[in-house]
Amino acid sequence: MPAEYTQGDQFRGARIHLCDLSDLEIRDCDVTGLKIVDCYGGDVSLGGGFERVVVNDVDVTAYVEAELDRLHPNRVLAREATSVAEYRAAWDAIEKQWRETLDRARRLPEAKLQERIDGEWSFVETQRHLLMAGDAWIGNAVLEEDAPYHPLGLPGGGTPAEASAKLLGLTLDAIPTLDEVLAPRLARMATVRRVVDELTEAELDRVCGRKPADHYPDKDYVVRRCLSVVLKEEAEHHRYAVRDLTVLEAEPG
């Protein structure tokens, strides 16, 4: 089993020279200022939120973002929504894309929907994470529900999972079926539908009475920011889901 380094700063400012880093994986880390110079490899993959990416002295940031927007136009709706009408239009588009994608997923055996591609979340785990996002940013922050978190929710890789699970009552080691996850997931989506249908311009700027969860920074969270986070999570994780569905559909059997 490969060595694993978690929640440390031992590599901050380090210089790695003449080492074999093949198959190295860097996940959920701050890589600001990362430089890879005079290296070589047959397959290099980058994924994440990068402010600027330069490859062989060519800034490819704008190209990558434009191509992602072309392939996944709901990213634009989610990112640029500012008015009530725009938030509703973005949620309309997200509901539509998930209806189509869920129909597509149901044509696969349950075992494939539990399968991870290249170490990423399975299709079912993606639904669990989006359930958690809706619970935190809408159920808890915006609506201040008494019990906003469903136990099948799955926190993001950058959050303290075990601590969050204990505090929020999550069952991280559960292996639910797609239908078992979709029951609370679709219920939460219906809640978001109600929120955007009842939205007003004044409500968008209302300061929420709670944070999404205790480990988030202590600051004001307005409704528009909470909605934007949910929209972006939905759009980006849909991108990942359809990417991996394509692989699963191509697999033998």
C-alpha atoms as a PDB file:
ATOM      1  CA  MET A   1       0.000   0.000   0.000  1.00  0.00           C
ATOM      2  CA  PRO A   2       1.459   3.411  -0.923  1.00  0.00           C
ATOM      3  CA  ALA A   3       2.537   5.841   1.794  1.00  0.00           C
ATOM      4  CA  GLU A   4      -0.040   8.445   2.712  1.00  0.00           C
ATOM      5  CA  TYR A   5       0.589  11.932   4.081  1.00  0.00           C
ATOM      6  CA  THR A   6      -2.419  13.729   5.561  1.00  0.00           C
ATOM      7  CA  GLN A   7      -2.959  17.194   7.059  1.00  0.00           C
ATOM      8  CA  GLY A   8       0.703  18.147   7.258  1.00  0.00           C
ATOM      9  CA  ASP A   9       3.001  20.847   5.914  1.00  0.00           C
ATOM     10  CA  GLN A  10       6.192  18.801   5.526  1.00  0.00           C
ATOM     11  CA  PHE A  11       6.274  19.463   1.784  1.00  0.00           C
ATOM     12  CA  ARG A  12       5.620  23.206   1.955  1.00  0.00           C
ATOM     13  CA  GLY A  13       8.419  25.024   0.121  1.00  0.00           C
ATOM     14  CA  ALA A  14      10.264  21.748  -0.540  1.00  0.00           C
ATOM     15  CA  ARG A  15      12.288  20.993  -3.663  1.00  0.00           C
ATOM     16  CA  ILE A  16      11.986  17.467  -5.042  1.00  0.00           C
ATOM     17  CA  HIS A  17      14.825  16.665  -7.438  1.00  0.00           C
ATOM     18  CA  LEU A  18      15.732  13.537  -9.411  1.00  0.00           C
ATOM     19  CA  CYS A  19      13.001  11.434  -7.770  1.00  0.00           C
ATOM     20  CA  ASP A  20      10.595   8.906  -9.191  1.00  0.00           C
ATOM     21  CA  LEU A  21       7.146  10.472  -8.663  1.00  0.00           C
ATOM     22  CA  SER A  22       5.268   8.252 -11.104  1.00  0.00           C
ATOM     23  CA  ASP A  23       1.661   7.597  -9.988  1.00  0.00           C
ATOM     24  CA  LEU A  24       1.927  10.294  -7.305  1.00  0.00           C
ATOM     25  CA  GLU A  25      -1.512  11.573  -6.280  1.00  0.00           C
ATOM     26  CA  ILE A  26      -2.053  14.970  -4.658  1.00  0.00           C
ATOM     27  CA  ARG A  27      -5.616  15.377  -3.391  1.00  0.00           C
ATOM     28  CA  ASP A  28      -7.434  18.166  -1.506  1.00  0.00           C
ATOM     29  CA  CYS A  29      -4.219  20.166  -1.052  1.00  0.00           C
ATOM     30  CA  ASP A  30      -3.259  23.821  -1.431  1.00  0.00           C
ATOM     31  CA  VAL A  31      -0.861  23.826  -4.389  1.00  0.00           C
ATOM     32  CA  THR A  32      -0.444  27.595  -4.746  1.00  0.00           C
ATOM     33  CA  GLY A  33       2.909  28.250  -6.388  1.00  0.00           C
ATOM     34  CA  LEU A  34       3.440  24.599  -7.383  1.00  0.00           C
ATOM     35  CA  LYS A  35       6.096  24.310 -10.108  1.00  0.00           C
ATOM     36  CA  ILE A  36       6.865  21.218 -12.164  1.00  0.00           C
ATOM     37  CA  VAL A  37       9.991  21.954 -14.181  1.00  0.00           C
ATOM     38  CA  ASP A  38      11.908  19.834 -16.706  1.00  0.00           C
ATOM     39  CA  CYS A  39       9.897  16.758 -15.793  1.00  0.00           C
ATOM     40  CA  TYR A  40       8.542  14.089 -18.102  1.00  0.00           C
ATOM     41  CA  GLY A  41       5.744  11.571 -18.096  1.00  0.00           C
ATOM     42  CA  GLY A  42       3.323   9.755 -20.316  1.00  0.00           C
ATOM     43  CA  ASP A  43       0.103  10.739 -18.542  1.00  0.00           C
ATOM     44  CA  VAL A  44      -0.352  13.820 -16.351  1.00  0.00           C
ATOM     45  CA  SER A  45      -3.788  14.808 -15.034  1.00  0.00           C
ATOM     46  CA  LEU A  46      -4.774  17.991 -13.184  1.00  0.00           C
ATOM     47  CA  GLY A  47      -8.131  18.675 -11.615  1.00  0.00           C
ATOM     48  CA  GLY A  48      -9.336  21.324  -9.194  1.00  0.00           C
ATOM     49  CA  GLY A  49      -9.917  25.022  -8.774  1.00  0.00           C
ATOM     50  CA  PHE A  50      -6.847  26.759 -10.149  1.00  0.00           C
ATOM     51  CA  GLU A  51      -6.615  30.539 -10.520  1.00  0.00           C
ATOM     52  CA  ARG A  52      -3.892  30.257 -13.161  1.00  0.00           C
ATOM     53  CA  VAL A  53      -2.357  27.265 -14.937  1.00  0.00           C
ATOM     54  CA  VAL A  54       0.712  27.583 -17.171  1.00  0.00           C
ATOM     55  CA  VAL A  55       1.926  24.661 -19.270  1.00  0.00           C
ATOM     56  CA  ASN A  56       5.321  25.023 -20.959  1.00  0.00           C
ATOM     57  CA  ASP A  57       5.126  28.819 -20.597  1.00  0.00           C
ATOM     58  CA  VAL A  58       1.615  28.970 -22.106  1.00  0.00           C
ATOM     59  CA  ASP A  59      -1.223  30.217 -19.879  1.00  0.00           C
ATOM     60  CA  VAL A  60      -4.032  27.718 -20.551  1.00  0.00           C
ATOM     61  CA  THR A  61      -6.410  28.912 -17.818  1.00  0.00           C
ATOM     62  CA  ALA A  62      -8.886  30.732 -20.059  1.00  0.00           C
ATOM     63  CA  TYR A  63      -8.865  27.958 -22.657  1.00  0.00           C
ATOM     64  CA  VAL A  64      -9.653  25.251 -20.085  1.00  0.00           C
ATOM     65  CA  GLU A  65     -12.469  27.265 -18.505  1.00  0.00           C
ATOM     66  CA  ALA A  66     -13.994  28.096 -21.890  1.00  0.00           C
ATOM     67  CA  GLU A  67     -13.885  24.467 -22.980  1.00  0.00           C
ATOM     68  CA  LEU A  68     -15.498  23.302 -19.731  1.00  0.00           C
ATOM     69  CA  ASP A  69     -18.233  25.917 -20.176  1.00  0.00           C
ATOM     70  CA  ARG A  70     -18.804  24.769 -23.750  1.00  0.00           C
ATOM     71  CA  LEU A  71     -19.115  21.131 -22.734  1.00  0.00           C
ATOM     72  CA  HIS A  72     -21.109  21.847 -19.562  1.00  0.00           C
ATOM     73  CA  PRO A  73     -23.146  25.044 -20.063  1.00  0.00           C
ATOM     74  CA  ASN A  74     -24.913  24.714 -16.719  1.00  0.00           C
ATOM     75  CA  ARG A  75     -21.610  25.703 -15.111  1.00  0.00           C
ATOM     76  CA  VAL A  76     -22.164  29.174 -16.559  1.00  0.00           C
ATOM     77  CA  LEU A  77     -25.727  29.415 -15.238  1.00  0.00           C
ATOM     78  CA  ALA A  78     -24.588  28.313 -11.791  1.00  0.00           C
ATOM     79  CA  ARG A  79     -21.598  30.650 -11.698  1.00  0.00           C
ATOM     80  CA  GLU A  80     -23.269  33.769 -13.072  1.00  0.00           C
ATOM     81  CA  ALA A  81     -26.681  33.689 -11.366  1.00  0.00           C
ATOM     82  CA  THR A  82     -27.301  36.912  -9.460  1.00  0.00           C
ATOM     83  CA  SER A  83     -31.044  37.657  -9.795  1.00  0.00           C
ATOM     84  CA  VAL A  84     -34.093  35.679  -8.687  1.00  0.00           C
ATOM     85  CA  ALA A  85     -34.904  34.774 -12.288  1.00  0.00           C
ATOM     86  CA  GLU A  86     -31.343  33.579 -12.916  1.00  0.00           C
ATOM     87  CA  TYR A  87     -31.295  31.377  -9.811  1.00  0.00           C
ATOM     88  CA  ARG A  88     -34.577  29.809 -10.906  1.00  0.00           C
ATOM     89  CA  ALA A  89     -33.322  29.256 -14.449  1.00  0.00           C
ATOM     90  CA  ALA A  90     -30.137  27.641 -13.151  1.00  0.00           C
ATOM     91  CA  TRP A  91     -32.074  25.290 -10.864  1.00  0.00           C
ATOM     92  CA  ASP A  92     -34.462  24.431 -13.717  1.00  0.00           C
ATOM     93  CA  ALA A  93     -31.463  23.382 -15.822  1.00  0.00           C
ATOM     94  CA  ILE A  94     -29.897  21.386 -12.986  1.00  0.00           C
ATOM     95  CA  GLU A  95     -33.128  19.496 -12.290  1.00  0.00           C
ATOM     96  CA  LYS A  96     -33.441  18.661 -15.980  1.00  0.00           C
ATOM     97  CA  GLN A  97     -29.867  17.403 -16.346  1.00  0.00           C
ATOM     98  CA  TRP A  98     -30.146  15.184 -13.275  1.00  0.00           C
ATOM     99  CA  ARG A  99     -33.464  13.687 -14.447  1.00  0.00           C
ATOM    100  CA  GLU A 100     -31.791  12.701 -17.703  1.00  0.00           C
ATOM    101  CA  THR A 101     -28.629  11.450 -16.013  1.00  0.00           C
ATOM    102  CA  LEU A 102     -30.506   9.411 -13.408  1.00  0.00           C
ATOM    103  CA  ASP A 103     -32.464   7.728 -16.204  1.00  0.00           C
ATOM    104  CA  ARG A 104     -29.133   6.923 -17.830  1.00  0.00           C
ATOM    105  CA  ALA A 105     -27.634   5.603 -14.598  1.00  0.00           C
ATOM    106  CA  ARG A 106     -30.583   3.315 -13.910  1.00  0.00           C
ATOM    107  CA  ARG A 107     -29.786   1.399 -17.088  1.00  0.00           C
ATOM    108  CA  LEU A 108     -26.601   0.157 -15.393  1.00  0.00           C
ATOM    109  CA  PRO A 109     -26.459  -2.634 -12.789  1.00  0.00           C
ATOM    110  CA  GLU A 110     -26.376  -1.475  -9.162  1.00  0.00           C
ATOM    111  CA  ALA A 111     -22.830  -2.836  -8.773  1.00  0.00           C
ATOM    112  CA  LYS A 112     -21.526  -0.437 -11.412  1.00  0.00           C
ATOM    113  CA  LEU A 113     -23.154   2.502  -9.649  1.00  0.00           C
ATOM    114  CA  GLN A 114     -21.086   1.575  -6.581  1.00  0.00           C
ATOM    115  CA  GLU A 115     -17.855   1.349  -8.606  1.00  0.00           C
ATOM    116  CA  ARG A 116     -15.148   3.996  -8.295  1.00  0.00           C
ATOM    117  CA  ILE A 117     -13.319   5.116 -11.428  1.00  0.00           C
ATOM    118  CA  ASP A 118      -9.686   6.143 -10.862  1.00  0.00           C
ATOM    119  CA  GLY A 119     -10.294   6.486  -7.139  1.00  0.00           C
ATOM    120  CA  GLU A 120     -13.081   9.051  -7.529  1.00  0.00           C
ATOM    121  CA  TRP A 121     -16.482   8.799  -5.880  1.00  0.00           C
ATOM    122  CA  SER A 122     -18.922   6.266  -7.260  1.00  0.00           C
ATOM    123  CA  PHE A 123     -22.185   7.491  -8.768  1.00  0.00           C
ATOM    124  CA  VAL A 124     -23.985   6.643  -5.520  1.00  0.00           C
ATOM    125  CA  GLU A 125     -21.351   8.424  -3.434  1.00  0.00           C
ATOM    126  CA  THR A 126     -21.747  11.513  -5.624  1.00  0.00           C
ATOM    127  CA  GLN A 127     -25.463  11.561  -4.814  1.00  0.00           C
ATOM    128  CA  ARG A 128     -24.614  11.205  -1.124  1.00  0.00           C
ATOM    129  CA  HIS A 129     -22.264  14.192  -1.316  1.00  0.00           C
ATOM    130  CA  LEU A 130     -24.833  16.370  -3.091  1.00  0.00           C
ATOM    131  CA  LEU A 131     -27.364  15.375  -0.436  1.00  0.00           C
ATOM    132  CA  MET A 132     -24.900  16.629   2.176  1.00  0.00           C
ATOM    133  CA  ALA A 133     -24.320  19.880   0.294  1.00  0.00           C
ATOM    134  CA  GLY A 134     -28.040  20.589   0.137  1.00  0.00           C
ATOM    135  CA  ASP A 135     -28.496  19.677   3.802  1.00  0.00           C
ATOM    136  CA  ALA A 136     -25.683  22.002   4.899  1.00  0.00           C
ATOM    137  CA  TRP A 137     -26.183  25.054   2.699  1.00  0.00           C
ATOM    138  CA  ILE A 138     -29.986  24.983   2.395  1.00  0.00           C
ATOM    139  CA  GLY A 139     -31.417  22.866   5.215  1.00  0.00           C
ATOM    140  CA  ASN A 140     -29.085  24.184   7.897  1.00  0.00           C
ATOM    141  CA  ALA A 141     -27.906  27.627   6.793  1.00  0.00           C
ATOM    142  CA  VAL A 142     -30.872  29.003   4.837  1.00  0.00           C
ATOM    143  CA  LEU A 143     -33.849  27.222   6.457  1.00  0.00           C
ATOM    144  CA  GLU A 144     -32.411  26.526   9.937  1.00  0.00           C
ATOM    145  CA  GLU A 145     -34.159  23.161  10.106  1.00  0.00           C
ATOM    146  CA  ASP A 146     -34.195  21.294  13.423  1.00  0.00           C
ATOM    147  CA  ALA A 147     -32.542  18.193  11.925  1.00  0.00           C
ATOM    148  CA  PRO A 148     -31.126  19.169   8.520  1.00  0.00           C
ATOM    149  CA  TYR A 149     -28.529  16.419   8.049  1.00  0.00           C
ATOM    150  CA  HIS A 150     -29.491  13.024   6.658  1.00  0.00           C
ATOM    151  CA  PRO A 151     -27.218  10.196   7.912  1.00  0.00           C
ATOM    152  CA  LEU A 152     -26.414   9.111   4.343  1.00  0.00           C
ATOM    153  CA  GLY A 153     -24.816  12.475   3.541  1.00  0.00           C
ATOM    154  CA  LEU A 154     -21.140  12.406   2.574  1.00  0.00           C
ATOM    155  CA  PRO A 155     -18.878  15.387   3.347  1.00  0.00           C
ATOM    156  CA  GLY A 156     -16.295  16.631   0.857  1.00  0.00           C
ATOM    157  CA  GLY A 157     -12.761  15.307   0.884  1.00  0.00           C
ATOM    158  CA  GLY A 158     -11.416  18.569   2.273  1.00  0.00           C
ATOM    159  CA  THR A 159     -13.482  18.429   5.462  1.00  0.00           C
ATOM    160  CA  PRO A 160     -12.655  16.539   8.702  1.00  0.00           C
ATOM    161  CA  ALA A 161     -14.827  13.530   7.860  1.00  0.00           C
ATOM    162  CA  GLU A 162     -14.786  11.599  11.129  1.00  0.00           C
ATOM    163  CA  ALA A 163     -15.373  14.675  13.263  1.00  0.00           C
ATOM    164  CA  SER A 164     -18.148  15.858  10.939  1.00  0.00           C
ATOM    165  CA  ALA A 165     -19.764  12.439  10.965  1.00  0.00           C
ATOM    166  CA  LYS A 166     -19.879  12.297  14.753  1.00  0.00           C
ATOM    167  CA  LEU A 167     -21.143  15.853  15.102  1.00  0.00           C
ATOM    168  CA  LEU A 168     -23.754  15.683  12.333  1.00  0.00           C
ATOM    169  CA  GLY A 169     -24.870  12.077  12.774  1.00  0.00           C
ATOM    170  CA  LEU A 170     -23.559  10.828   9.422  1.00  0.00           C
ATOM    171  CA  THR A 171     -23.009   7.146   8.681  1.00  0.00           C
ATOM    172  CA  LEU A 172     -19.876   7.293   6.544  1.00  0.00           C
ATOM    173  CA  ASP A 173     -19.400   3.533   6.213  1.00  0.00           C
ATOM    174  CA  ALA A 174     -22.927   2.903   4.909  1.00  0.00           C
ATOM    175  CA  ILE A 175     -23.234   1.286   1.465  1.00  0.00           C
ATOM    176  CA  PRO A 176     -26.739   2.295   0.395  1.00  0.00           C
ATOM    177  CA  THR A 177     -28.294   1.506  -2.963  1.00  0.00           C
ATOM    178  CA  LEU A 178     -28.995   4.275  -5.442  1.00  0.00           C
ATOM    179  CA  ASP A 179     -32.702   4.227  -4.592  1.00  0.00           C
ATOM    180  CA  GLU A 180     -31.974   4.429  -0.865  1.00  0.00           C
ATOM    181  CA  VAL A 181     -29.876   7.558  -1.431  1.00  0.00           C
ATOM    182  CA  LEU A 182     -32.287   9.090  -3.915  1.00  0.00           C
ATOM    183  CA  ALA A 183     -35.160   9.099  -1.423  1.00  0.00           C
ATOM    184  CA  PRO A 184     -33.598  11.847   0.753  1.00  0.00           C
ATOM    185  CA  ARG A 185     -31.629  13.340  -2.132  1.00  0.00           C
ATOM    186  CA  LEU A 186     -34.716  14.035  -4.261  1.00  0.00           C
ATOM    187  CA  ALA A 187     -36.557  15.277  -1.186  1.00  0.00           C
ATOM    188  CA  ARG A 188     -33.785  17.813  -0.596  1.00  0.00           C
ATOM    189  CA  MET A 189     -33.863  18.825  -4.259  1.00  0.00           C
ATOM    190  CA  ALA A 190     -37.597  19.437  -3.867  1.00  0.00           C
ATOM    191  CA  THR A 191     -36.795  21.685  -0.900  1.00  0.00           C
ATOM    192  CA  VAL A 192     -34.382  23.690  -3.040  1.00  0.00           C
ATOM    193  CA  ARG A 193     -37.111  23.930  -5.675  1.00  0.00           C
ATOM    194  CA  ARG A 194     -39.441  25.443  -3.082  1.00  0.00           C
ATOM    195  CA  VAL A 195     -36.745  27.884  -1.927  1.00  0.00           C
ATOM    196  CA  VAL A 196     -36.042  29.203  -5.426  1.00  0.00           C
ATOM    197  CA  ASP A 197     -39.767  29.368  -6.283  1.00  0.00           C
ATOM    198  CA  GLU A 198     -40.408  31.534  -3.207  1.00  0.00           C
ATOM    199  CA  LEU A 199     -37.250  33.601  -3.631  1.00  0.00           C
ATOM    200  CA  THR A 200     -37.338  37.400  -3.623  1.00  0.00           C
ATOM    201  CA  GLU A 201     -34.594  39.916  -4.263  1.00  0.00           C
ATOM    202  CA  ALA A 202     -34.683  40.934  -0.593  1.00  0.00           C
ATOM    203  CA  GLU A 203     -34.367  37.297   0.515  1.00  0.00           C
ATOM    204  CA  LEU A 204     -31.244  36.858  -1.599  1.00  0.00           C
ATOM    205  CA  ASP A 205     -29.376  39.320   0.603  1.00  0.00           C
ATOM    206  CA  ARG A 206     -30.683  38.024   3.917  1.00  0.00           C
ATOM    207  CA  VAL A 207     -27.938  36.966   6.336  1.00  0.00           C
ATOM    208  CA  CYS A 208     -28.499  33.373   7.419  1.00  0.00           C
ATOM    209  CA  GLY A 209     -28.792  32.623  11.119  1.00  0.00           C
ATOM    210  CA  ARG A 210     -26.413  29.663  10.908  1.00  0.00           C
ATOM    211  CA  LYS A 211     -23.262  28.518   9.203  1.00  0.00           C
ATOM    212  CA  PRO A 212     -23.511  25.510   6.854  1.00  0.00           C
ATOM    213  CA  ALA A 213     -21.741  23.420   9.537  1.00  0.00           C
ATOM    214  CA  ASP A 214     -19.651  24.062  12.642  1.00  0.00           C
ATOM    215  CA  HIS A 215     -16.280  23.662  10.915  1.00  0.00           C
ATOM    216  CA  TYR A 216     -16.990  26.547   8.513  1.00  0.00           C
ATOM    217  CA  PRO A 217     -15.452  29.962   9.328  1.00  0.00           C
ATOM    218  CA  ASP A 218     -17.398  32.336  11.562  1.00  0.00           C
ATOM    219  CA  LYS A 219     -18.702  35.003   9.187  1.00  0.00           C
ATOM    220  CA  ASP A 220     -21.919  36.127   7.524  1.00  0.00           C
ATOM    221  CA  TYR A 221     -23.485  33.706   5.052  1.00  0.00           C
ATOM    222  CA  VAL A 222     -26.106  35.346   2.860  1.00  0.00           C
ATOM    223  CA  VAL A 223     -28.781  33.371   1.029  1.00  0.00           C
ATOM    224  CA  ARG A 224     -27.398  34.152  -2.425  1.00  0.00           C
ATOM    225  CA  ARG A 225     -24.017  32.703  -1.493  1.00  0.00           C
ATOM    226  CA  CYS A 226     -25.597  29.537  -0.105  1.00  0.00           C
ATOM    227  CA  LEU A 227     -27.636  29.060  -3.273  1.00  0.00           C
ATOM    228  CA  SER A 228     -24.590  29.699  -5.453  1.00  0.00           C
ATOM    229  CA  VAL A 229     -22.586  27.054  -3.613  1.00  0.00           C
ATOM    230  CA  VAL A 230     -25.339  24.482  -4.118  1.00  0.00           C
ATOM    231  CA  LEU A 231     -25.684  25.350  -7.813  1.00  0.00           C
ATOM    232  CA  LYS A 232     -21.935  25.079  -8.389  1.00  0.00           C
ATOM    233  CA  GLU A 233     -21.708  21.789  -6.479  1.00  0.00           C
ATOM    234  CA  GLU A 234     -24.532  20.366  -8.570  1.00  0.00           C
ATOM    235  CA  ALA A 235     -23.004  21.512 -11.862  1.00  0.00           C
ATOM    236  CA  GLU A 236     -19.456  20.351 -11.122  1.00  0.00           C
ATOM    237  CA  HIS A 237     -20.381  16.988  -9.652  1.00  0.00           C
ATOM    238  CA  HIS A 238     -22.705  16.331 -12.547  1.00  0.00           C
ATOM    239  CA  ARG A 239     -19.676  16.837 -14.775  1.00  0.00           C
ATOM    240  CA  TYR A 240     -17.739  14.236 -12.819  1.00  0.00           C
ATOM    241  CA  ALA A 241     -20.685  11.846 -12.762  1.00  0.00           C
ATOM    242  CA  VAL A 242     -21.258  11.809 -16.519  1.00  0.00           C
ATOM    243  CA  ARG A 243     -17.512  11.490 -17.115  1.00  0.00           C
ATOM    244  CA  ASP A 244     -17.430   8.302 -15.057  1.00  0.00           C
ATOM    245  CA  LEU A 245     -20.759   6.987 -16.377  1.00  0.00           C
ATOM    246  CA  THR A 246     -19.220   7.019 -19.838  1.00  0.00           C
ATOM    247  CA  VAL A 247     -16.408   4.768 -18.578  1.00  0.00           C
ATOM    248  CA  LEU A 248     -18.835   2.441 -16.790  1.00  0.00           C
ATOM    249  CA  GLU A 249     -21.028   2.117 -19.865  1.00  0.00           C
ATOM    250  CA  ALA A 250     -18.002   1.126 -21.953  1.00  0.00           C
ATOM    251  CA  GLU A 251     -16.863  -1.608 -19.557  1.00  0.00           C
ATOM    252  CA  PRO A 252     -17.561  -5.229 -20.565  1.00  0.00           C
ATOM    253  CA  GLY A 253     -20.688  -6.694 -18.967  1.00  0.00           C
END
